[in-house]
Protein backbone atom coordinates (compact mmCIF):
# COMPACT_ATOMS: atom_id res chain seq x y z
CA MET A 1 -0.02 -0.01 0.04
CA ILE A 2 1.23 3.48 -0.87
CA PRO A 3 1.74 5.62 2.16
CA PHE A 4 -0.96 8.27 2.71
CA GLY A 5 1.48 11.02 2.49
CA ASP A 6 2.41 10.01 -0.91
CA ARG A 7 -1.37 9.27 -1.93
CA LEU A 8 -2.03 12.89 -1.00
CA ALA A 9 0.77 14.27 -2.80
CA ALA A 10 -0.28 12.53 -5.97
CA ARG A 11 -3.96 13.38 -5.58
CA VAL A 12 -3.23 17.13 -5.07
CA GLU A 13 -0.88 17.13 -8.21
CA ALA A 14 -3.26 15.18 -10.21
CA CYS A 15 -6.32 17.36 -9.64
CA GLY A 16 -4.57 20.74 -8.95
CA SER A 17 -6.39 21.26 -5.93
CA ALA A 18 -5.72 21.16 -2.26
CA LEU A 19 -9.24 21.73 -1.46
CA CYS A 20 -10.88 19.28 1.18
CA VAL A 21 -14.95 19.57 1.11
CA GLY A 22 -16.64 18.91 4.45
CA ILE A 23 -19.62 16.61 4.15
CA ASP A 24 -21.65 17.80 7.01
CA PRO A 25 -25.47 16.83 5.85
CA ARG A 26 -27.58 19.04 7.80
CA GLY A 27 -31.18 20.01 6.63
CA PRO A 28 -32.97 21.62 5.29
CA PHE A 29 -32.32 19.55 2.07
CA PRO A 30 -33.36 20.41 -1.56
CA ASP A 31 -36.83 19.15 -2.24
CA GLU A 32 -35.81 16.55 -4.76
CA VAL A 33 -33.80 14.85 -2.04
CA LEU A 34 -36.84 14.40 0.10
CA ARG A 35 -39.18 13.31 -2.49
CA GLY A 36 -40.80 9.79 -1.92
CA LEU A 37 -39.46 9.31 1.52
CA ALA A 38 -41.15 8.64 4.70
CA ASP A 39 -40.66 10.75 7.82
CA SER A 40 -38.77 8.17 9.68
CA ARG A 41 -35.21 7.39 10.61
CA SER A 42 -34.73 5.19 7.53
CA GLY A 43 -36.14 8.04 5.48
CA GLN A 44 -33.99 10.58 7.04
CA ALA A 45 -30.91 8.37 6.52
CA ARG A 46 -31.90 8.01 2.66
CA ALA A 47 -32.20 11.90 2.54
CA VAL A 48 -28.81 12.24 3.96
CA GLU A 49 -27.36 9.71 1.60
CA ARG A 50 -28.83 11.31 -1.54
CA TYR A 51 -27.73 14.62 -0.59
CA ALA A 52 -24.24 13.84 0.54
CA VAL A 53 -23.65 11.66 -2.68
CA GLY A 54 -24.85 14.57 -4.61
CA LEU A 55 -22.33 16.90 -2.87
CA VAL A 56 -19.58 14.52 -3.39
CA GLU A 57 -20.35 14.13 -7.05
CA ALA A 58 -20.59 18.02 -7.58
CA ALA A 59 -17.47 18.86 -5.89
CA ALA A 60 -15.25 16.05 -6.98
CA PRO A 61 -13.65 17.73 -9.95
CA PHE A 62 -12.47 20.44 -7.81
CA CYS A 63 -11.13 19.02 -4.61
CA ALA A 64 -8.59 16.48 -3.52
CA ALA A 65 -10.43 15.04 -0.62
CA VAL A 66 -13.77 14.86 1.22
CA LYS A 67 -14.18 14.86 5.13
CA PRO A 68 -17.43 13.29 6.10
CA GLN A 69 -18.56 14.38 9.61
CA VAL A 70 -19.19 10.99 11.10
CA ALA A 71 -21.28 12.22 13.87
CA LEU A 72 -24.14 13.33 11.43
CA PHE A 73 -24.18 9.69 9.92
CA GLU A 74 -23.99 7.98 13.47
CA LEU A 75 -27.11 10.19 14.56
CA LEU A 76 -29.20 7.84 12.36
CA GLY A 77 -27.87 4.61 13.68
CA GLY A 78 -27.27 1.75 11.40
CA TYR A 79 -29.28 3.48 8.46
CA GLY A 80 -26.90 6.42 8.84
CA LEU A 81 -23.65 4.34 8.76
CA HIS A 82 -25.00 2.45 5.63
CA ALA A 83 -25.40 5.88 4.20
CA LEU A 84 -21.93 6.90 4.97
CA ASP A 85 -20.51 3.78 3.36
CA ARG A 86 -22.36 4.79 0.12
CA VAL A 87 -20.83 8.34 0.29
CA CYS A 88 -17.49 6.99 0.68
CA GLU A 89 -18.01 4.57 -2.00
CA THR A 90 -18.99 7.43 -4.15
CA ALA A 91 -15.87 9.30 -3.26
CA ARG A 92 -13.55 6.50 -4.06
CA GLU A 93 -15.17 6.02 -7.46
CA HIS A 94 -14.14 9.58 -8.18
CA GLY A 95 -10.66 9.28 -7.03
CA LEU A 96 -11.05 11.33 -3.96
CA LEU A 97 -9.24 10.72 -0.78
CA ILE A 98 -11.67 10.24 2.32
CA ILE A 99 -11.00 11.90 5.82
CA ALA A 100 -13.26 10.23 8.24
CA ASP A 101 -13.91 13.19 10.84
CA ALA A 102 -14.40 11.09 13.81
CA LYS A 103 -12.00 12.70 16.34
CA ARG A 104 -11.51 9.49 18.15
CA GLY A 105 -9.31 9.02 21.32
CA ASP A 106 -8.90 6.12 23.69
CA ILE A 107 -6.50 3.63 25.09
CA ALA A 108 -5.50 0.08 24.32
CA SER A 109 -7.90 -2.22 22.65
CA THR A 110 -10.86 0.33 22.40
CA ALA A 111 -8.41 2.77 20.50
CA THR A 112 -7.56 -0.28 18.26
CA ALA A 113 -11.16 -1.00 17.64
CA TYR A 114 -11.85 2.57 16.69
CA ALA A 115 -8.81 2.70 14.34
CA GLU A 116 -9.87 -0.65 12.67
CA ALA A 117 -13.37 0.67 12.05
CA TRP A 118 -12.16 3.76 10.15
CA ILE A 119 -8.75 2.75 8.41
CA GLY A 120 -8.62 -0.86 8.93
CA LEU A 121 -9.68 -3.60 6.49
CA ARG A 122 -13.25 -4.87 7.55
CA PRO A 123 -14.16 -8.35 6.69
CA GLY A 124 -15.21 -8.98 3.02
CA GLU A 125 -13.82 -5.47 1.99
CA THR A 126 -10.82 -4.65 -0.27
CA ALA A 127 -10.03 -1.20 1.06
CA PRO A 128 -10.64 0.58 4.34
CA LEU A 129 -13.57 2.95 4.63
CA ALA A 130 -11.37 6.06 4.84
CA ASP A 131 -7.76 6.83 3.74
CA ALA A 132 -7.30 8.95 7.02
CA VAL A 133 -9.12 9.75 10.23
CA THR A 134 -9.02 12.40 12.67
CA VAL A 135 -7.64 11.46 16.17
CA ASN A 136 -7.67 13.38 19.62
CA ALA A 137 -4.38 13.04 21.40
CA TYR A 138 -5.43 15.09 24.49
CA MET A 139 -5.47 12.18 26.83
CA GLY A 140 -1.69 11.72 25.88
CA PRO A 141 0.34 10.12 23.42
CA ASP A 142 -0.52 6.39 24.23
CA THR A 143 -3.98 7.08 22.80
CA VAL A 144 -2.40 7.60 19.53
CA GLU A 145 -0.28 4.68 19.42
CA PRO A 146 -3.00 2.04 18.51
CA PHE A 147 -4.03 4.06 15.64
CA LEU A 148 -0.46 4.44 14.41
CA ALA A 149 -0.10 0.70 14.32
CA VAL A 150 -3.41 0.13 12.33
CA ALA A 151 -2.29 3.05 10.02
CA ASP A 152 1.00 1.40 9.60
CA ARG A 153 -0.58 -1.88 8.50
CA HIS A 154 -2.88 -0.22 6.05
CA GLY A 155 -1.04 2.69 4.63
CA ALA A 156 -3.42 5.07 6.24
CA GLY A 157 -3.07 8.56 7.55
CA LEU A 158 -3.94 10.28 10.82
CA PHE A 159 -4.74 13.83 11.31
CA VAL A 160 -4.09 14.54 15.06
CA LEU A 161 -5.97 17.64 16.88
CA ALA A 162 -3.20 20.27 17.49
CA ARG A 163 -4.62 23.90 17.54
CA THR A 164 -8.35 23.50 16.76
CA SER A 165 -10.59 26.04 15.05
CA ASN A 166 -13.22 26.24 17.87
CA PRO A 167 -13.66 29.57 19.83
CA GLY A 168 -12.85 27.83 23.21
CA ALA A 169 -9.64 26.08 21.84
CA SER A 170 -7.27 28.55 23.50
CA GLU A 171 -8.56 27.69 27.00
CA LEU A 172 -6.67 24.48 27.06
CA GLU A 173 -4.65 24.38 23.80
CA GLU A 174 -2.92 27.55 24.32
CA ARG A 175 -2.09 27.22 28.12
CA ARG A 176 1.58 27.83 28.90
CA LEU A 177 3.72 25.00 30.05
CA GLU A 178 6.61 25.10 32.52
CA ASP A 179 9.11 25.40 29.57
CA GLY A 180 7.26 28.39 27.98
CA GLY A 181 5.62 26.64 25.16
CA GLN A 182 1.83 26.04 24.69
CA VAL A 183 -0.03 22.76 25.16
CA TRP A 184 -0.82 22.35 21.53
CA GLU A 185 2.98 22.99 20.67
CA ALA A 186 3.74 20.01 22.81
CA VAL A 187 1.30 17.92 20.92
CA ALA A 188 2.78 19.36 17.67
CA GLY A 189 6.17 17.90 18.80
CA TRP A 190 4.62 14.43 19.10
CA ILE A 191 3.18 14.82 15.75
CA ALA A 192 6.51 15.82 14.19
CA ASP A 193 7.95 12.72 15.74
CA TRP A 194 5.31 10.22 14.51
CA GLY A 195 5.50 11.69 11.12
CA GLY A 196 9.17 11.88 10.87
CA GLU A 197 9.18 7.98 11.13
CA ARG A 198 6.52 7.90 8.48
CA LYS A 199 7.82 10.07 5.36
CA GLY A 200 7.16 8.69 1.87
CA THR A 201 9.04 9.50 -1.39
CA SER A 202 7.16 12.56 -1.71
CA GLY A 203 8.57 14.09 1.38
CA LEU A 204 5.08 14.40 3.11
CA ALA A 205 4.54 12.55 6.33
CA SER A 206 1.26 10.19 6.68
CA ILE A 207 0.74 11.80 10.20
CA GLY A 208 -0.84 15.32 9.93
CA ALA A 209 -2.22 17.86 12.18
CA VAL A 210 -5.62 19.61 12.50
CA VAL A 211 -4.79 23.26 12.70
CA GLY A 212 -7.70 25.81 12.61
CA ALA A 213 -7.83 28.66 10.00
CA THR A 214 -9.32 30.84 12.72
CA ALA A 215 -5.81 30.97 14.43
CA PRO A 216 -3.67 32.20 11.69
CA ALA A 217 -0.56 32.74 13.96
CA ALA A 218 -0.82 29.01 14.70
CA VAL A 219 -0.64 28.16 10.97
CA ARG A 220 2.74 29.70 10.86
CA THR A 221 3.96 28.14 14.02
CA ALA A 222 2.55 24.60 13.04
CA ARG A 223 4.47 24.68 9.84
CA ASP A 224 7.73 25.39 11.70
CA LEU A 225 7.10 22.77 14.45
CA MET A 226 5.96 20.24 11.78
CA PRO A 227 7.68 20.76 8.47
CA ASP A 228 6.74 17.67 6.88
CA ALA A 229 3.16 17.05 8.17
CA PRO A 230 0.13 17.82 6.15
CA LEU A 231 -2.08 20.34 7.99
CA LEU A 232 -5.90 19.88 7.82
CA LEU A 233 -7.14 23.56 7.95
CA PRO A 234 -10.72 23.89 8.95
CA GLY A 235 -12.56 27.13 9.74
CA VAL A 236 -12.47 29.03 6.41
CA GLY A 237 -15.68 30.82 5.60
CA ALA A 238 -18.53 30.38 8.07
CA GLN A 239 -16.22 30.22 11.03
CA GLY A 240 -14.41 33.43 10.09
CA GLY A 241 -10.88 31.96 8.93
CA ARG A 242 -9.31 33.76 6.09
CA MET A 243 -7.84 32.06 2.95
CA GLU A 244 -4.93 34.44 2.73
CA ASP A 245 -3.66 33.54 6.24
CA LEU A 246 -2.98 29.86 5.24
CA ALA A 247 -0.05 30.45 2.89
CA PRO A 248 2.55 29.10 5.31
CA ALA A 249 0.95 25.54 5.23
CA PHE A 250 2.17 25.28 1.47
CA GLU A 251 5.66 26.63 1.70
CA ARG A 252 7.40 23.10 1.71
CA HIS A 253 4.80 21.18 -0.34
CA PRO A 254 1.96 21.92 -2.85
CA ALA A 255 0.00 19.17 -0.58
CA GLY A 256 1.31 20.74 2.82
CA GLY A 257 -2.11 21.74 3.59
CA LEU A 258 -5.80 20.61 2.80
CA VAL A 259 -8.10 23.76 3.31
CA VAL A 260 -11.34 22.47 4.43
CA ALA A 261 -14.66 24.17 3.23
CA ALA A 262 -17.84 22.88 4.30
CA ARG A 263 -20.81 25.10 4.68
CA SER A 264 -19.38 27.70 2.19
CA VAL A 265 -19.44 24.85 -0.49
CA ILE A 266 -22.21 22.46 0.38
CA GLU A 267 -24.83 25.05 1.32
CA ALA A 268 -24.11 27.45 -1.33
CA TRP A 269 -27.26 26.45 -3.06
CA ARG A 270 -29.30 28.11 -0.37
CA ASP A 271 -28.47 31.45 -1.83
CA THR A 272 -29.45 30.89 -5.43
CA ASP A 273 -32.20 29.72 -7.64
CA ALA A 274 -29.81 27.70 -9.82
CA ASP A 275 -29.66 23.90 -9.48
CA TRP A 276 -28.32 22.84 -6.11
CA ARG A 277 -25.57 20.56 -7.51
CA SER A 278 -24.44 23.37 -9.97
CA ALA A 279 -24.16 25.76 -6.96
CA VAL A 280 -22.14 23.30 -4.95
CA ALA A 281 -19.71 22.76 -7.93
CA GLU A 282 -19.28 26.48 -8.66
CA ALA A 283 -18.50 27.00 -4.97
CA ALA A 284 -16.01 24.39 -4.88
CA ARG A 285 -14.45 25.67 -8.10
CA ARG A 286 -13.95 29.13 -6.46
CA HIS A 287 -12.46 27.87 -3.47
CA ALA A 288 -10.05 25.81 -5.36
CA GLU A 289 -8.97 28.74 -7.48
CA ASP A 290 -8.42 30.72 -4.22
CA ILE A 291 -6.24 28.18 -2.77
CA ARG A 292 -4.19 27.98 -5.87
CA ARG A 293 -3.35 31.78 -5.61
CA LEU A 294 -1.88 30.80 -2.28
CA GLY A 295 0.91 28.93 -4.25
CA ALA A 296 -0.63 25.56 -3.35
């Protein structure tokens, strides 16, 4: 299996885009998505599937990856997880990388089970559900070790939470340590070490970091602390992050960052009378162009 870092580099080069579209299927949905469906959990899951598959198909020509928000599928139980499977199949059919946004974190056998669920090879399958999964290391580095072991077996990637995009992130992540550094910078050190052992021929590591676009100074620091890590950069658009602040992510490699756009792409149809898929595709195209202007 080709290491995730190399697959990421190849995908960004092939499509000319470092855009990652967040697949966060929240209603209201387009009328055609709801047509003929019962008002039940199975009907809701079918609507989510139709919508999310349509989003992937519309955005695919303009992005390197998609990032399904796992919680919005889990909400609908087994029906929702079946829908997520179909969304990931569609993404793979279009050559996209899949980042399962699960933010898992636990220890020992439980962490291994989480890792196997998202980036392991499930019985009867020929490929893992996702190419990479988001991981929460704030219980300590031992919570990531089982994920690393599973990722190594399957050539998968991890994006470890470092400096996140939520408003309350600074309460913990920017706390000062005895050595003067911040908590998230210590986590960045772990990520750099894990990634340094898992670099491919592209020079990119398979272990990346989640760094919020809402904290532009952190993007600069993150690139300095983790020179070979791909940075997953959420928070552009609706959360207030600015595209122009993300240039440091791409200084060392065109695939050094994945800029995440969710609502600004997948809900673009709500502000227009145009066909909803066309509106999504156009929003994705504009974001991809903006990212290229950063030098990515």
